[in-house]
Amino acid sequence: MGKVDATGNLKFTSGRAGEIKGDGKWQDLTRGGALIFGSYKLASGDQGQVNFLGNFSQPPGPDMPPDISGSWRGTFTNVLSLMRGIDELMIQQGRTPNGAPSVGFAGQETMDGGTPAIVLYDFVGTIDGGGNFVRIGVSDQGFLTSGGKLESGRLIANSVDLEKGGFHGYWITDFTHIDPH
């Protein structure tokens, strides 16, 4: 059970598998979508972070989201460190009962900036009928939150990388669809 105040602060508890308490920040993405960043503490004393992304509502008829399934390749730039590199996405998008693209998607991102190593993110996301998207991801380096738009066959995104222990980078990415499915 949870409660959100007028400024988006969230407090929640659960008791299904022992007591869990948490708090965080709720962000309304409109169109039925929501983004939550929070932390939790178990009755055992264990604690951690929790991030949640609620899909946009499935739009009616002609306002369906674009099909973004498949492989995407592009470049990234870390605005803070000016590091650049190659970025690849593999996206699997859900389907409605009649086979049209749905608002939910998942996938993997591979960022190759040379040294020190390649970073692999697993992510989930949501996209609306106008091509606006939000996604969250996780790797052994931390969490990634990204938002952007599909325009003229390109996915252009702005991402914030939250490394374990704090802020790590602000990325701008530009992808081209190389293998639609």
N, C-alpha and C. Protein backbone atom coordinates (compact mmCIF):
# COMPACT_ATOMS: atom_id res chain seq x y z
N MET A 1 0.85 -1.16 0.00
CA MET A 1 0.00 0.00 0.00
C MET A 1 0.90 1.23 0.00
N GLY A 2 0.49 2.25 -0.74
CA GLY A 2 1.31 3.45 -0.82
C GLY A 2 0.47 4.70 -0.90
N LYS A 3 1.16 5.82 -0.69
CA LYS A 3 0.50 7.12 -0.73
C LYS A 3 1.45 8.14 -1.32
N VAL A 4 0.91 8.98 -2.23
CA VAL A 4 1.70 10.03 -2.86
C VAL A 4 1.12 11.37 -2.44
N ASP A 5 1.99 12.30 -1.99
CA ASP A 5 1.50 13.62 -1.61
C ASP A 5 1.46 14.54 -2.83
N ALA A 6 1.06 15.77 -2.65
CA ALA A 6 0.87 16.72 -3.75
C ALA A 6 2.17 17.06 -4.49
N THR A 7 3.32 16.86 -3.86
CA THR A 7 4.59 17.17 -4.51
C THR A 7 5.26 15.93 -5.11
N GLY A 8 4.59 14.78 -5.07
CA GLY A 8 5.11 13.57 -5.67
C GLY A 8 5.93 12.69 -4.75
N ASN A 9 6.03 13.05 -3.47
CA ASN A 9 6.74 12.19 -2.53
C ASN A 9 5.89 10.96 -2.24
N LEU A 10 6.51 9.80 -2.26
CA LEU A 10 5.82 8.53 -2.13
C LEU A 10 6.32 7.78 -0.90
N LYS A 11 5.39 7.21 -0.15
CA LYS A 11 5.72 6.30 0.95
C LYS A 11 4.92 5.04 0.73
N PHE A 12 5.56 3.87 0.92
CA PHE A 12 4.84 2.61 0.71
C PHE A 12 5.27 1.56 1.72
N THR A 13 4.38 0.61 1.96
CA THR A 13 4.64 -0.53 2.82
C THR A 13 4.02 -1.77 2.18
N SER A 14 4.55 -2.91 2.52
CA SER A 14 3.99 -4.18 2.07
C SER A 14 4.28 -5.21 3.14
N GLY A 15 3.47 -6.22 3.21
CA GLY A 15 3.68 -7.24 4.23
C GLY A 15 3.55 -8.65 3.72
N ARG A 16 3.51 -8.84 2.42
CA ARG A 16 3.32 -10.18 1.85
C ARG A 16 4.44 -11.13 2.22
N ALA A 17 5.67 -10.69 2.12
CA ALA A 17 6.82 -11.57 2.40
C ALA A 17 7.64 -10.98 3.54
N GLY A 18 6.99 -10.53 4.59
CA GLY A 18 7.66 -9.81 5.67
C GLY A 18 7.52 -8.33 5.40
N GLU A 19 7.75 -7.53 6.40
CA GLU A 19 7.51 -6.10 6.24
C GLU A 19 8.54 -5.45 5.33
N ILE A 20 8.04 -4.62 4.41
CA ILE A 20 8.87 -3.82 3.52
C ILE A 20 8.38 -2.38 3.65
N LYS A 21 9.31 -1.46 3.89
CA LYS A 21 8.98 -0.03 3.94
C LYS A 21 9.84 0.69 2.91
N GLY A 22 9.26 1.73 2.33
CA GLY A 22 10.04 2.48 1.36
C GLY A 22 9.51 3.87 1.14
N ASP A 23 10.33 4.64 0.45
CA ASP A 23 9.91 5.98 0.05
C ASP A 23 10.59 6.31 -1.27
N GLY A 24 10.09 7.35 -1.90
CA GLY A 24 10.64 7.72 -3.18
C GLY A 24 9.94 8.93 -3.78
N LYS A 25 10.12 9.09 -5.06
CA LYS A 25 9.55 10.21 -5.80
C LYS A 25 8.76 9.68 -6.99
N TRP A 26 7.51 10.13 -7.12
CA TRP A 26 6.61 9.76 -8.19
C TRP A 26 6.61 10.87 -9.22
N GLN A 27 6.80 10.53 -10.50
CA GLN A 27 6.73 11.51 -11.58
C GLN A 27 5.65 11.08 -12.55
N ASP A 28 4.65 11.92 -12.73
CA ASP A 28 3.57 11.65 -13.67
C ASP A 28 4.07 11.96 -15.08
N LEU A 29 4.05 10.95 -15.96
CA LEU A 29 4.51 11.13 -17.33
C LEU A 29 3.38 11.49 -18.28
N THR A 30 2.18 11.67 -17.76
CA THR A 30 0.95 11.90 -18.53
C THR A 30 0.63 10.69 -19.39
N ARG A 31 -0.48 10.70 -20.04
CA ARG A 31 -0.92 9.59 -20.90
C ARG A 31 -0.91 8.25 -20.17
N GLY A 32 -1.07 8.28 -18.84
CA GLY A 32 -1.13 7.05 -18.05
C GLY A 32 0.21 6.55 -17.55
N GLY A 33 1.31 7.13 -17.99
CA GLY A 33 2.65 6.67 -17.60
C GLY A 33 3.10 7.27 -16.28
N ALA A 34 3.98 6.56 -15.59
CA ALA A 34 4.53 7.04 -14.32
C ALA A 34 5.94 6.51 -14.14
N LEU A 35 6.78 7.28 -13.49
CA LEU A 35 8.15 6.91 -13.19
C LEU A 35 8.36 7.09 -11.70
N ILE A 36 8.88 6.06 -11.04
CA ILE A 36 9.13 6.12 -9.60
C ILE A 36 10.59 5.75 -9.33
N PHE A 37 11.28 6.59 -8.57
CA PHE A 37 12.61 6.29 -8.05
C PHE A 37 12.48 6.22 -6.54
N GLY A 38 12.92 5.13 -5.95
CA GLY A 38 12.77 5.01 -4.51
C GLY A 38 13.79 4.10 -3.88
N SER A 39 13.61 3.93 -2.59
CA SER A 39 14.45 3.01 -1.82
C SER A 39 13.54 2.21 -0.90
N TYR A 40 14.01 1.05 -0.48
CA TYR A 40 13.22 0.18 0.39
C TYR A 40 14.10 -0.38 1.49
N LYS A 41 13.44 -0.84 2.55
CA LYS A 41 14.14 -1.51 3.65
C LYS A 41 13.27 -2.67 4.09
N LEU A 42 13.88 -3.86 4.15
CA LEU A 42 13.18 -5.05 4.60
C LEU A 42 13.25 -5.18 6.11
N ALA A 43 12.37 -5.97 6.69
CA ALA A 43 12.37 -6.20 8.13
C ALA A 43 13.70 -6.80 8.58
N SER A 44 14.37 -7.53 7.70
CA SER A 44 15.68 -8.14 8.02
C SER A 44 16.80 -7.11 8.12
N GLY A 45 16.53 -5.88 7.65
CA GLY A 45 17.55 -4.85 7.64
C GLY A 45 18.16 -4.63 6.26
N ASP A 46 17.97 -5.58 5.34
CA ASP A 46 18.46 -5.40 3.97
C ASP A 46 17.75 -4.20 3.35
N GLN A 47 18.46 -3.48 2.50
CA GLN A 47 17.88 -2.31 1.85
C GLN A 47 18.44 -2.16 0.45
N GLY A 48 17.76 -1.34 -0.36
CA GLY A 48 18.22 -1.14 -1.73
C GLY A 48 17.40 -0.11 -2.45
N GLN A 49 17.63 -0.03 -3.76
CA GLN A 49 16.93 0.92 -4.61
C GLN A 49 15.87 0.20 -5.42
N VAL A 50 14.82 0.92 -5.76
CA VAL A 50 13.79 0.39 -6.65
C VAL A 50 13.40 1.49 -7.64
N ASN A 51 13.35 1.12 -8.92
CA ASN A 51 12.91 2.03 -9.97
C ASN A 51 11.75 1.35 -10.68
N PHE A 52 10.73 2.11 -11.02
CA PHE A 52 9.53 1.57 -11.65
C PHE A 52 9.11 2.49 -12.77
N LEU A 53 8.74 1.90 -13.92
CA LEU A 53 8.23 2.65 -15.04
C LEU A 53 6.90 2.04 -15.44
N GLY A 54 5.83 2.83 -15.34
CA GLY A 54 4.51 2.39 -15.77
C GLY A 54 4.27 2.83 -17.20
N ASN A 55 3.79 1.91 -18.05
CA ASN A 55 3.57 2.21 -19.46
C ASN A 55 2.55 3.31 -19.67
N PHE A 56 2.69 4.01 -20.80
CA PHE A 56 1.65 4.91 -21.26
C PHE A 56 0.40 4.06 -21.54
N SER A 57 -0.75 4.66 -21.53
CA SER A 57 -1.98 3.97 -21.92
C SER A 57 -1.94 3.70 -23.42
N GLN A 58 -2.46 2.52 -23.81
CA GLN A 58 -2.49 2.18 -25.24
C GLN A 58 -3.45 3.13 -25.94
N PRO A 59 -2.98 3.90 -26.93
CA PRO A 59 -3.86 4.86 -27.61
C PRO A 59 -4.82 4.14 -28.57
N PRO A 60 -5.92 4.79 -28.90
CA PRO A 60 -6.87 4.20 -29.83
C PRO A 60 -6.40 4.34 -31.28
N GLY A 61 -6.90 3.46 -32.12
CA GLY A 61 -6.77 3.48 -33.57
C GLY A 61 -5.58 4.16 -34.20
N PRO A 62 -5.78 5.32 -34.82
CA PRO A 62 -4.72 5.91 -35.64
C PRO A 62 -3.54 6.46 -34.83
N ASP A 63 -3.68 6.57 -33.53
CA ASP A 63 -2.60 7.13 -32.69
C ASP A 63 -1.68 6.05 -32.12
N MET A 64 -1.59 4.90 -32.79
CA MET A 64 -0.76 3.80 -32.30
C MET A 64 0.71 4.20 -32.28
N PRO A 65 1.48 3.64 -31.35
CA PRO A 65 2.91 3.95 -31.32
C PRO A 65 3.63 3.37 -32.53
N PRO A 66 4.73 3.97 -32.93
CA PRO A 66 5.50 3.44 -34.05
C PRO A 66 6.16 2.11 -33.66
N ASP A 67 6.48 1.31 -34.66
CA ASP A 67 7.16 0.03 -34.44
C ASP A 67 8.66 0.31 -34.33
N ILE A 68 9.23 0.06 -33.15
CA ILE A 68 10.66 0.31 -32.94
C ILE A 68 11.44 -0.99 -32.70
N SER A 69 10.80 -2.14 -32.91
CA SER A 69 11.48 -3.42 -32.72
C SER A 69 12.67 -3.54 -33.66
N GLY A 70 13.69 -4.24 -33.18
CA GLY A 70 14.84 -4.54 -34.03
C GLY A 70 16.13 -3.95 -33.49
N SER A 71 17.12 -3.90 -34.36
CA SER A 71 18.46 -3.42 -34.01
C SER A 71 18.62 -1.96 -34.42
N TRP A 72 19.25 -1.21 -33.53
CA TRP A 72 19.55 0.20 -33.76
C TRP A 72 21.04 0.41 -33.49
N ARG A 73 21.68 1.25 -34.27
CA ARG A 73 23.09 1.57 -34.06
C ARG A 73 23.26 3.07 -34.11
N GLY A 74 24.14 3.57 -33.25
CA GLY A 74 24.37 5.00 -33.24
C GLY A 74 25.59 5.37 -32.45
N THR A 75 25.60 6.62 -32.00
CA THR A 75 26.72 7.15 -31.24
C THR A 75 26.21 7.76 -29.95
N PHE A 76 27.10 7.87 -28.97
CA PHE A 76 26.78 8.57 -27.73
C PHE A 76 27.88 9.56 -27.41
N THR A 77 27.50 10.59 -26.69
CA THR A 77 28.45 11.56 -26.16
C THR A 77 28.08 11.83 -24.71
N ASN A 78 29.07 11.71 -23.82
CA ASN A 78 28.88 12.09 -22.43
C ASN A 78 29.15 13.58 -22.36
N VAL A 79 28.12 14.36 -22.07
CA VAL A 79 28.23 15.81 -22.09
C VAL A 79 29.21 16.32 -21.04
N LEU A 80 29.37 15.60 -19.93
CA LEU A 80 30.27 16.05 -18.87
C LEU A 80 31.73 15.75 -19.16
N SER A 81 32.02 14.52 -19.60
CA SER A 81 33.43 14.14 -19.82
C SER A 81 33.85 14.24 -21.28
N LEU A 82 32.89 14.46 -22.19
CA LEU A 82 33.11 14.52 -23.63
C LEU A 82 33.53 13.17 -24.22
N MET A 83 33.39 12.09 -23.43
CA MET A 83 33.66 10.76 -23.95
C MET A 83 32.63 10.45 -25.03
N ARG A 84 33.09 9.81 -26.11
CA ARG A 84 32.22 9.43 -27.23
C ARG A 84 32.41 7.94 -27.50
N GLY A 85 31.40 7.37 -28.16
CA GLY A 85 31.54 5.97 -28.51
C GLY A 85 30.39 5.47 -29.36
N ILE A 86 30.43 4.16 -29.60
CA ILE A 86 29.41 3.47 -30.39
C ILE A 86 28.37 2.91 -29.43
N ASP A 87 27.11 3.00 -29.83
CA ASP A 87 26.00 2.54 -29.00
C ASP A 87 25.08 1.68 -29.86
N GLU A 88 24.65 0.55 -29.34
CA GLU A 88 23.74 -0.34 -30.05
C GLU A 88 22.58 -0.72 -29.16
N LEU A 89 21.40 -0.79 -29.75
CA LEU A 89 20.19 -1.22 -29.04
C LEU A 89 19.60 -2.43 -29.75
N MET A 90 19.07 -3.36 -28.98
CA MET A 90 18.25 -4.44 -29.50
C MET A 90 16.92 -4.32 -28.76
N ILE A 91 15.84 -3.99 -29.50
CA ILE A 91 14.54 -3.70 -28.87
C ILE A 91 13.52 -4.76 -29.28
N GLN A 92 12.78 -5.25 -28.29
CA GLN A 92 11.62 -6.12 -28.51
C GLN A 92 10.40 -5.37 -28.01
N GLN A 93 9.48 -5.08 -28.91
CA GLN A 93 8.29 -4.30 -28.56
C GLN A 93 7.09 -5.23 -28.47
N GLY A 94 6.24 -4.98 -27.48
CA GLY A 94 5.03 -5.76 -27.33
C GLY A 94 4.06 -5.52 -28.48
N ARG A 95 3.07 -6.38 -28.57
CA ARG A 95 2.05 -6.29 -29.62
C ARG A 95 0.67 -6.30 -28.99
N THR A 96 -0.26 -5.60 -29.63
CA THR A 96 -1.66 -5.63 -29.21
C THR A 96 -2.27 -6.94 -29.70
N PRO A 97 -3.49 -7.29 -29.25
CA PRO A 97 -4.12 -8.53 -29.72
C PRO A 97 -4.26 -8.62 -31.24
N ASN A 98 -4.36 -7.48 -31.92
CA ASN A 98 -4.48 -7.52 -33.39
C ASN A 98 -3.12 -7.42 -34.10
N GLY A 99 -2.02 -7.46 -33.34
CA GLY A 99 -0.68 -7.47 -33.92
C GLY A 99 -0.01 -6.13 -34.11
N ALA A 100 -0.70 -5.04 -33.77
CA ALA A 100 -0.10 -3.70 -33.90
C ALA A 100 0.92 -3.48 -32.77
N PRO A 101 1.89 -2.58 -32.97
CA PRO A 101 2.85 -2.28 -31.90
C PRO A 101 2.14 -1.74 -30.66
N SER A 102 2.57 -2.20 -29.48
CA SER A 102 2.01 -1.68 -28.23
C SER A 102 2.96 -0.64 -27.64
N VAL A 103 2.58 -0.07 -26.52
CA VAL A 103 3.36 0.99 -25.90
C VAL A 103 4.57 0.48 -25.13
N GLY A 104 4.61 -0.80 -24.76
CA GLY A 104 5.70 -1.34 -23.95
C GLY A 104 6.80 -1.96 -24.79
N PHE A 105 8.04 -1.82 -24.32
CA PHE A 105 9.17 -2.46 -24.99
C PHE A 105 10.25 -2.79 -23.97
N ALA A 106 11.17 -3.68 -24.36
CA ALA A 106 12.30 -4.08 -23.53
C ALA A 106 13.48 -4.34 -24.44
N GLY A 107 14.68 -4.39 -23.87
CA GLY A 107 15.83 -4.69 -24.70
C GLY A 107 17.15 -4.58 -23.97
N GLN A 108 18.21 -4.53 -24.78
CA GLN A 108 19.57 -4.40 -24.27
C GLN A 108 20.28 -3.29 -25.02
N GLU A 109 21.11 -2.56 -24.30
CA GLU A 109 21.93 -1.51 -24.88
C GLU A 109 23.39 -1.84 -24.62
N THR A 110 24.23 -1.71 -25.65
CA THR A 110 25.66 -1.93 -25.53
C THR A 110 26.37 -0.62 -25.85
N MET A 111 27.05 -0.06 -24.85
CA MET A 111 27.79 1.19 -25.03
C MET A 111 29.28 0.86 -25.05
N ASP A 112 29.96 1.21 -26.15
CA ASP A 112 31.39 0.94 -26.29
C ASP A 112 32.13 2.25 -26.44
N GLY A 113 32.74 2.68 -25.35
CA GLY A 113 33.51 3.91 -25.36
C GLY A 113 35.00 3.66 -25.32
N GLY A 114 35.41 2.41 -25.61
CA GLY A 114 36.83 2.08 -25.54
C GLY A 114 37.20 1.69 -24.13
N THR A 115 38.09 2.42 -23.53
CA THR A 115 38.53 2.14 -22.17
C THR A 115 37.59 2.81 -21.18
N PRO A 116 37.15 2.24 -20.11
CA PRO A 116 37.66 1.00 -19.55
C PRO A 116 36.99 -0.25 -20.11
N ALA A 117 35.74 -0.20 -20.50
CA ALA A 117 35.09 -1.43 -20.94
C ALA A 117 33.77 -1.13 -21.63
N ILE A 118 33.20 -2.18 -22.19
CA ILE A 118 31.86 -2.11 -22.77
C ILE A 118 30.85 -2.22 -21.64
N VAL A 119 29.82 -1.39 -21.67
CA VAL A 119 28.77 -1.43 -20.66
C VAL A 119 27.50 -1.96 -21.31
N LEU A 120 26.87 -2.93 -20.67
CA LEU A 120 25.64 -3.54 -21.17
C LEU A 120 24.51 -3.22 -20.21
N TYR A 121 23.46 -2.57 -20.73
CA TYR A 121 22.27 -2.24 -19.94
C TYR A 121 21.11 -3.10 -20.40
N ASP A 122 20.34 -3.65 -19.47
CA ASP A 122 19.03 -4.23 -19.75
C ASP A 122 18.03 -3.14 -19.44
N PHE A 123 17.01 -2.95 -20.30
CA PHE A 123 16.08 -1.85 -20.07
C PHE A 123 14.65 -2.25 -20.41
N VAL A 124 13.71 -1.47 -19.88
CA VAL A 124 12.30 -1.52 -20.25
C VAL A 124 11.89 -0.09 -20.55
N GLY A 125 10.85 0.05 -21.39
CA GLY A 125 10.44 1.39 -21.74
C GLY A 125 9.00 1.44 -22.22
N THR A 126 8.56 2.66 -22.49
CA THR A 126 7.22 2.90 -23.00
C THR A 126 7.29 4.00 -24.05
N ILE A 127 6.48 3.87 -25.10
CA ILE A 127 6.48 4.84 -26.20
C ILE A 127 5.03 5.19 -26.53
N ASP A 128 4.77 6.47 -26.82
CA ASP A 128 3.40 6.88 -27.13
C ASP A 128 3.21 7.00 -28.64
N GLY A 129 2.00 7.38 -29.05
CA GLY A 129 1.67 7.48 -30.46
C GLY A 129 2.44 8.55 -31.21
N GLY A 130 3.00 9.52 -30.49
CA GLY A 130 3.80 10.57 -31.11
C GLY A 130 5.28 10.24 -31.21
N GLY A 131 5.67 9.02 -30.76
CA GLY A 131 7.07 8.63 -30.79
C GLY A 131 7.88 9.06 -29.59
N ASN A 132 7.24 9.68 -28.58
CA ASN A 132 7.94 10.07 -27.35
C ASN A 132 8.14 8.82 -26.50
N PHE A 133 9.35 8.63 -25.96
CA PHE A 133 9.61 7.44 -25.16
C PHE A 133 10.36 7.77 -23.87
N VAL A 134 10.21 6.86 -22.92
CA VAL A 134 10.94 6.90 -21.66
C VAL A 134 11.39 5.48 -21.40
N ARG A 135 12.62 5.31 -20.90
CA ARG A 135 13.07 3.97 -20.54
C ARG A 135 13.95 4.04 -19.30
N ILE A 136 14.02 2.92 -18.58
CA ILE A 136 14.92 2.78 -17.45
C ILE A 136 15.72 1.51 -17.67
N GLY A 137 16.97 1.53 -17.23
CA GLY A 137 17.82 0.37 -17.42
C GLY A 137 18.75 0.16 -16.24
N VAL A 138 19.34 -1.02 -16.21
CA VAL A 138 20.26 -1.35 -15.13
C VAL A 138 21.44 -2.15 -15.70
N SER A 139 22.61 -1.90 -15.15
CA SER A 139 23.82 -2.66 -15.48
C SER A 139 24.60 -2.85 -14.19
N ASP A 140 25.75 -3.49 -14.29
CA ASP A 140 26.57 -3.63 -13.08
C ASP A 140 27.16 -2.29 -12.65
N GLN A 141 27.04 -1.25 -13.50
CA GLN A 141 27.53 0.09 -13.19
C GLN A 141 26.49 0.95 -12.48
N GLY A 142 25.21 0.60 -12.58
CA GLY A 142 24.17 1.40 -11.95
C GLY A 142 22.92 1.47 -12.82
N PHE A 143 22.16 2.53 -12.65
CA PHE A 143 20.88 2.71 -13.34
C PHE A 143 20.99 3.78 -14.42
N LEU A 144 20.15 3.63 -15.46
CA LEU A 144 20.08 4.58 -16.55
C LEU A 144 18.63 4.99 -16.73
N THR A 145 18.37 6.27 -16.86
CA THR A 145 17.04 6.79 -17.18
C THR A 145 17.18 7.60 -18.45
N SER A 146 16.27 7.37 -19.40
CA SER A 146 16.42 7.99 -20.71
C SER A 146 15.06 8.42 -21.24
N GLY A 147 15.03 9.53 -21.92
CA GLY A 147 13.83 9.98 -22.59
C GLY A 147 14.19 10.58 -23.93
N GLY A 148 13.27 10.46 -24.88
CA GLY A 148 13.58 11.00 -26.19
C GLY A 148 12.41 10.87 -27.15
N LYS A 149 12.73 10.91 -28.44
CA LYS A 149 11.69 10.91 -29.46
C LYS A 149 12.20 10.21 -30.72
N LEU A 150 11.28 9.48 -31.37
CA LEU A 150 11.55 8.92 -32.69
C LEU A 150 11.16 9.98 -33.71
N GLU A 151 12.14 10.45 -34.49
CA GLU A 151 11.89 11.46 -35.51
C GLU A 151 12.64 11.10 -36.77
N SER A 152 11.94 11.10 -37.90
CA SER A 152 12.53 10.83 -39.21
C SER A 152 13.37 9.56 -39.20
N GLY A 153 12.87 8.52 -38.54
CA GLY A 153 13.56 7.23 -38.52
C GLY A 153 14.74 7.16 -37.58
N ARG A 154 14.95 8.17 -36.73
CA ARG A 154 16.05 8.18 -35.77
C ARG A 154 15.51 8.27 -34.36
N LEU A 155 16.10 7.50 -33.45
CA LEU A 155 15.81 7.62 -32.02
C LEU A 155 16.86 8.56 -31.43
N ILE A 156 16.42 9.68 -30.92
CA ILE A 156 17.33 10.63 -30.29
C ILE A 156 16.95 10.71 -28.82
N ALA A 157 17.93 10.49 -27.94
CA ALA A 157 17.63 10.38 -26.51
C ALA A 157 18.61 11.18 -25.67
N ASN A 158 18.13 11.58 -24.52
CA ASN A 158 18.95 12.16 -23.46
C ASN A 158 18.86 11.22 -22.28
N SER A 159 20.01 10.85 -21.73
CA SER A 159 20.05 9.86 -20.66
C SER A 159 20.84 10.37 -19.47
N VAL A 160 20.41 9.97 -18.29
CA VAL A 160 21.14 10.24 -17.06
C VAL A 160 21.57 8.90 -16.50
N ASP A 161 22.84 8.76 -16.22
CA ASP A 161 23.43 7.52 -15.72
C ASP A 161 23.69 7.72 -14.22
N LEU A 162 23.02 6.91 -13.40
CA LEU A 162 23.20 7.00 -11.95
C LEU A 162 24.04 5.82 -11.50
N GLU A 163 25.31 6.08 -11.28
CA GLU A 163 26.25 5.05 -10.85
C GLU A 163 25.98 4.72 -9.39
N LYS A 164 26.40 3.55 -8.97
CA LYS A 164 26.29 3.20 -7.56
C LYS A 164 26.97 4.31 -6.76
N GLY A 165 26.23 4.95 -5.89
CA GLY A 165 26.79 6.01 -5.08
C GLY A 165 26.57 7.42 -5.62
N GLY A 166 25.96 7.58 -6.78
CA GLY A 166 25.69 8.94 -7.23
C GLY A 166 25.63 9.11 -8.74
N PHE A 167 25.63 10.35 -9.15
CA PHE A 167 25.51 10.75 -10.55
C PHE A 167 26.79 10.39 -11.30
N HIS A 168 26.66 9.83 -12.51
CA HIS A 168 27.82 9.43 -13.27
C HIS A 168 27.96 10.17 -14.59
N GLY A 169 26.85 10.39 -15.30
CA GLY A 169 26.98 11.05 -16.58
C GLY A 169 25.66 11.46 -17.18
N TYR A 170 25.75 12.32 -18.17
CA TYR A 170 24.60 12.77 -18.94
C TYR A 170 24.93 12.49 -20.39
N TRP A 171 24.18 11.60 -21.02
CA TRP A 171 24.49 11.11 -22.36
C TRP A 171 23.49 11.63 -23.38
N ILE A 172 23.97 11.94 -24.57
CA ILE A 172 23.11 12.22 -25.72
C ILE A 172 23.39 11.11 -26.73
N THR A 173 22.33 10.44 -27.18
CA THR A 173 22.50 9.34 -28.13
C THR A 173 21.66 9.60 -29.37
N ASP A 174 22.12 9.08 -30.49
CA ASP A 174 21.44 9.23 -31.77
C ASP A 174 21.54 7.88 -32.49
N PHE A 175 20.38 7.20 -32.69
CA PHE A 175 20.34 5.87 -33.27
C PHE A 175 19.62 5.85 -34.60
N THR A 176 20.06 4.96 -35.49
CA THR A 176 19.40 4.68 -36.75
C THR A 176 19.00 3.21 -36.76
N HIS A 177 17.79 2.92 -37.26
CA HIS A 177 17.27 1.56 -37.33
C HIS A 177 18.04 0.79 -38.40
N ILE A 178 18.79 -0.26 -38.01
CA ILE A 178 19.58 -0.99 -38.99
C ILE A 178 18.96 -2.34 -39.37
N ASP A 179 18.10 -2.88 -38.50
CA ASP A 179 17.50 -4.18 -38.79
C ASP A 179 16.11 -4.24 -38.15
N PRO A 180 15.09 -3.68 -38.83
CA PRO A 180 13.74 -3.75 -38.26
C PRO A 180 13.24 -5.20 -38.25
N HIS A 181 12.46 -5.53 -37.25
CA HIS A 181 11.86 -6.88 -37.17
C HIS A 181 10.38 -6.77 -37.40
